[in-house]
């Protein structure tokens, strides 16, 4: 996978995380959306220290108050920028 393609993927993932926040705000089916993001990240696999922090934050979203949820989503979006390509994707 090229660096440009991976950067595009990271931007898409950031958009999905923001979409998760929007679903939560409109009382939509955000938990299924959250599950799909978690499954996708498992497929990406550990590739940097940011991956582990991102997974921990995203998996905790289910249990957070709205204010903590919102803050954690934005922290997660920032962590996505630090993801590296897994060697298997190179």
N, C-alpha and C. Protein backbone atom coordinates (compact mmCIF):
# COMPACT_ATOMS: atom_id res chain seq x y z
N UNK A 1 0.85 -1.16 0.00
CA UNK A 1 0.00 0.00 0.00
C UNK A 1 0.90 1.24 0.00
N UNK A 2 0.58 2.18 -0.84
CA UNK A 2 1.40 3.39 -0.91
C UNK A 2 1.13 4.28 0.31
N UNK A 3 2.07 5.18 0.56
CA UNK A 3 1.90 6.13 1.66
C UNK A 3 0.67 7.00 1.44
N UNK A 4 0.41 7.40 0.20
CA UNK A 4 -0.75 8.22 -0.11
C UNK A 4 -2.05 7.48 0.18
N UNK A 5 -2.09 6.21 -0.15
CA UNK A 5 -3.28 5.40 0.11
C UNK A 5 -3.50 5.25 1.61
N UNK A 6 -2.42 5.02 2.35
CA UNK A 6 -2.55 4.87 3.79
C UNK A 6 -2.98 6.18 4.44
N UNK A 7 -2.47 7.30 3.96
CA UNK A 7 -2.90 8.60 4.47
C UNK A 7 -4.39 8.81 4.20
N UNK A 8 -4.84 8.39 3.02
CA UNK A 8 -6.27 8.47 2.70
C UNK A 8 -7.10 7.61 3.64
N UNK A 9 -6.59 6.42 3.96
CA UNK A 9 -7.28 5.54 4.90
C UNK A 9 -7.38 6.20 6.27
N UNK A 10 -6.29 6.82 6.73
CA UNK A 10 -6.32 7.48 8.04
C UNK A 10 -7.34 8.61 8.04
N UNK A 11 -7.44 9.36 6.96
CA UNK A 11 -8.44 10.42 6.89
C UNK A 11 -9.85 9.86 6.93
N UNK A 12 -10.06 8.73 6.26
CA UNK A 12 -11.37 8.09 6.29
C UNK A 12 -11.70 7.63 7.71
N UNK A 13 -10.73 7.07 8.40
CA UNK A 13 -10.94 6.61 9.77
C UNK A 13 -11.25 7.78 10.70
N UNK A 14 -10.57 8.90 10.50
CA UNK A 14 -10.89 10.10 11.29
C UNK A 14 -12.33 10.52 11.06
N UNK A 15 -12.78 10.46 9.82
CA UNK A 15 -14.16 10.80 9.50
C UNK A 15 -15.15 9.85 10.15
N UNK A 16 -14.80 8.59 10.19
CA UNK A 16 -15.68 7.60 10.83
C UNK A 16 -15.77 7.84 12.34
N UNK A 17 -14.66 8.22 12.95
CA UNK A 17 -14.68 8.52 14.38
C UNK A 17 -15.54 9.76 14.66
N UNK A 18 -15.43 10.76 13.82
CA UNK A 18 -16.28 11.94 13.98
C UNK A 18 -17.75 11.56 13.76
N UNK A 19 -17.99 10.68 12.78
CA UNK A 19 -19.35 10.19 12.54
C UNK A 19 -19.91 9.44 13.74
N UNK A 20 -19.04 8.74 14.45
CA UNK A 20 -19.45 8.04 15.67
C UNK A 20 -19.96 9.05 16.70
N UNK A 21 -19.27 10.16 16.83
CA UNK A 21 -19.70 11.21 17.75
C UNK A 21 -21.06 11.77 17.32
N UNK A 22 -21.24 11.98 16.04
CA UNK A 22 -22.52 12.48 15.52
C UNK A 22 -23.65 11.50 15.82
N UNK A 23 -23.39 10.20 15.65
CA UNK A 23 -24.41 9.18 15.96
C UNK A 23 -24.79 9.22 17.43
N UNK A 24 -23.81 9.37 18.29
CA UNK A 24 -24.06 9.44 19.74
C UNK A 24 -24.90 10.68 20.06
N UNK A 25 -24.59 11.81 19.43
CA UNK A 25 -25.30 13.05 19.70
C UNK A 25 -26.76 13.00 19.26
N UNK A 26 -27.04 12.26 18.20
CA UNK A 26 -28.43 12.18 17.74
C UNK A 26 -29.13 10.92 18.25
N UNK A 27 -28.52 10.27 19.25
CA UNK A 27 -29.07 9.05 19.84
C UNK A 27 -29.32 7.96 18.81
N UNK A 28 -28.41 7.88 17.85
CA UNK A 28 -28.49 6.85 16.83
C UNK A 28 -27.91 5.53 17.33
N UNK A 29 -27.70 4.61 16.41
CA UNK A 29 -27.19 3.28 16.75
C UNK A 29 -25.66 3.32 16.76
N UNK A 30 -25.11 4.13 17.65
CA UNK A 30 -23.67 4.37 17.68
C UNK A 30 -22.88 3.16 18.13
N UNK A 31 -23.47 2.27 18.93
CA UNK A 31 -22.70 1.11 19.43
C UNK A 31 -22.36 0.14 18.30
N UNK A 32 -23.25 -0.06 17.35
CA UNK A 32 -22.91 -0.92 16.20
C UNK A 32 -21.83 -0.26 15.35
N UNK A 33 -21.92 1.04 15.22
CA UNK A 33 -20.91 1.80 14.49
C UNK A 33 -19.55 1.67 15.19
N UNK A 34 -19.55 1.77 16.50
CA UNK A 34 -18.34 1.60 17.30
C UNK A 34 -17.75 0.21 17.09
N UNK A 35 -18.60 -0.81 17.14
CA UNK A 35 -18.13 -2.18 16.94
C UNK A 35 -17.46 -2.35 15.58
N UNK A 36 -18.02 -1.74 14.54
CA UNK A 36 -17.43 -1.88 13.21
C UNK A 36 -16.05 -1.22 13.14
N UNK A 37 -15.87 -0.10 13.84
CA UNK A 37 -14.57 0.57 13.87
C UNK A 37 -13.55 -0.30 14.62
N UNK A 38 -13.97 -0.87 15.74
CA UNK A 38 -13.06 -1.74 16.51
C UNK A 38 -12.62 -2.94 15.68
N UNK A 39 -13.56 -3.57 14.99
CA UNK A 39 -13.23 -4.73 14.16
C UNK A 39 -12.25 -4.33 13.06
N UNK A 40 -12.49 -3.18 12.45
CA UNK A 40 -11.59 -2.70 11.40
C UNK A 40 -10.18 -2.48 11.93
N UNK A 41 -10.08 -1.91 13.12
CA UNK A 41 -8.76 -1.67 13.71
C UNK A 41 -8.05 -2.97 14.07
N UNK A 42 -8.80 -3.98 14.49
CA UNK A 42 -8.18 -5.28 14.73
C UNK A 42 -7.55 -5.80 13.45
N UNK A 43 -8.22 -5.57 12.33
CA UNK A 43 -7.68 -6.00 11.04
C UNK A 43 -6.42 -5.25 10.65
N UNK A 44 -6.34 -3.99 11.05
CA UNK A 44 -5.14 -3.19 10.76
C UNK A 44 -3.94 -3.73 11.53
N UNK A 45 -4.18 -4.14 12.75
CA UNK A 45 -3.13 -4.73 13.56
C UNK A 45 -2.22 -3.70 14.19
N UNK A 46 -1.52 -4.11 15.25
CA UNK A 46 -0.63 -3.18 15.95
C UNK A 46 0.51 -2.75 15.04
N UNK A 47 0.69 -1.45 14.95
CA UNK A 47 1.72 -0.94 14.07
C UNK A 47 2.53 0.19 14.70
N UNK A 48 2.08 0.67 15.83
CA UNK A 48 2.81 1.72 16.53
C UNK A 48 2.24 1.84 17.94
N UNK A 49 2.92 2.60 18.76
CA UNK A 49 2.44 2.80 20.12
C UNK A 49 1.09 3.50 20.10
N UNK A 50 0.83 4.31 19.08
CA UNK A 50 -0.46 4.99 18.96
C UNK A 50 -1.61 4.01 18.75
N UNK A 51 -1.33 2.87 18.13
CA UNK A 51 -2.37 1.86 17.91
C UNK A 51 -2.93 1.40 19.25
N UNK A 52 -2.06 1.10 20.19
CA UNK A 52 -2.51 0.58 21.48
C UNK A 52 -3.30 1.62 22.25
N UNK A 53 -2.82 2.86 22.22
CA UNK A 53 -3.55 3.95 22.90
C UNK A 53 -4.91 4.16 22.24
N UNK A 54 -4.94 4.12 20.92
CA UNK A 54 -6.19 4.29 20.17
C UNK A 54 -7.18 3.18 20.51
N UNK A 55 -6.72 1.94 20.51
CA UNK A 55 -7.61 0.82 20.82
C UNK A 55 -8.16 0.93 22.24
N UNK A 56 -7.31 1.29 23.18
CA UNK A 56 -7.77 1.44 24.56
C UNK A 56 -8.85 2.50 24.68
N UNK A 57 -8.63 3.64 24.05
CA UNK A 57 -9.60 4.73 24.12
C UNK A 57 -10.91 4.36 23.43
N UNK A 58 -10.81 3.79 22.26
CA UNK A 58 -12.03 3.45 21.51
C UNK A 58 -12.84 2.38 22.23
N UNK A 59 -12.18 1.39 22.79
CA UNK A 59 -12.91 0.34 23.48
C UNK A 59 -13.56 0.84 24.76
N UNK A 60 -13.04 1.90 25.35
CA UNK A 60 -13.63 2.46 26.57
C UNK A 60 -14.83 3.36 26.28
N UNK A 61 -15.02 3.78 25.04
CA UNK A 61 -16.09 4.72 24.72
C UNK A 61 -17.47 4.25 25.19
N UNK A 62 -17.70 2.98 25.15
CA UNK A 62 -18.99 2.40 25.52
C UNK A 62 -19.38 2.74 26.97
N UNK A 63 -18.40 3.04 27.80
CA UNK A 63 -18.65 3.20 29.23
C UNK A 63 -18.53 4.63 29.74
N UNK A 64 -18.32 5.58 28.85
CA UNK A 64 -18.03 6.95 29.26
C UNK A 64 -19.27 7.84 29.24
N UNK A 65 -19.23 8.86 30.08
CA UNK A 65 -20.27 9.89 30.04
C UNK A 65 -20.12 10.65 28.72
N UNK A 66 -21.13 11.44 28.38
CA UNK A 66 -21.10 12.14 27.10
C UNK A 66 -19.87 13.05 26.98
N UNK A 67 -19.58 13.83 28.01
CA UNK A 67 -18.43 14.75 27.93
C UNK A 67 -17.12 14.00 27.74
N UNK A 68 -16.94 12.92 28.48
CA UNK A 68 -15.73 12.10 28.34
C UNK A 68 -15.71 11.41 26.98
N UNK A 69 -16.86 10.98 26.50
CA UNK A 69 -16.99 10.34 25.19
C UNK A 69 -16.50 11.31 24.10
N UNK A 70 -17.03 12.52 24.14
CA UNK A 70 -16.68 13.53 23.14
C UNK A 70 -15.17 13.83 23.17
N UNK A 71 -14.64 14.06 24.34
CA UNK A 71 -13.22 14.36 24.49
C UNK A 71 -12.36 13.19 23.97
N UNK A 72 -12.77 11.97 24.30
CA UNK A 72 -12.01 10.78 23.90
C UNK A 72 -12.06 10.57 22.40
N UNK A 73 -13.19 10.87 21.77
CA UNK A 73 -13.27 10.75 20.31
C UNK A 73 -12.26 11.70 19.66
N UNK A 74 -12.20 12.94 20.14
CA UNK A 74 -11.24 13.88 19.55
C UNK A 74 -9.80 13.48 19.84
N UNK A 75 -9.53 12.93 21.01
CA UNK A 75 -8.19 12.41 21.30
C UNK A 75 -7.85 11.26 20.36
N UNK A 76 -8.84 10.41 20.08
CA UNK A 76 -8.64 9.27 19.19
C UNK A 76 -8.36 9.73 17.77
N UNK A 77 -9.08 10.76 17.32
CA UNK A 77 -8.84 11.31 15.99
C UNK A 77 -7.39 11.78 15.88
N UNK A 78 -6.89 12.42 16.92
CA UNK A 78 -5.48 12.86 16.91
C UNK A 78 -4.52 11.68 16.86
N UNK A 79 -4.85 10.61 17.55
CA UNK A 79 -3.97 9.43 17.55
C UNK A 79 -3.92 8.75 16.19
N UNK A 80 -4.99 8.82 15.43
CA UNK A 80 -5.02 8.19 14.11
C UNK A 80 -3.91 8.75 13.23
N UNK A 81 -3.64 10.04 13.36
CA UNK A 81 -2.58 10.65 12.56
C UNK A 81 -1.22 10.03 12.81
N UNK A 82 -1.01 9.43 13.98
CA UNK A 82 0.28 8.82 14.32
C UNK A 82 0.38 7.35 13.99
N UNK A 83 -0.65 6.79 13.37
CA UNK A 83 -0.56 5.37 12.99
C UNK A 83 0.44 5.20 11.86
N UNK A 84 1.13 4.09 11.88
CA UNK A 84 2.08 3.73 10.84
C UNK A 84 1.54 2.54 10.07
N UNK A 85 2.04 2.38 8.86
CA UNK A 85 1.65 1.19 8.08
C UNK A 85 2.24 -0.04 8.74
N UNK A 86 1.44 -1.06 8.87
CA UNK A 86 1.91 -2.36 9.34
C UNK A 86 2.83 -2.93 8.27
N UNK A 87 3.86 -3.65 8.67
CA UNK A 87 4.78 -4.23 7.70
C UNK A 87 4.06 -5.09 6.68
N UNK A 88 2.96 -5.73 7.07
CA UNK A 88 2.21 -6.57 6.15
C UNK A 88 1.52 -5.74 5.07
N UNK A 89 1.29 -4.44 5.34
CA UNK A 89 0.62 -3.58 4.37
C UNK A 89 1.59 -2.93 3.41
N UNK A 90 2.88 -3.00 3.71
CA UNK A 90 3.89 -2.32 2.87
C UNK A 90 4.11 -3.04 1.57
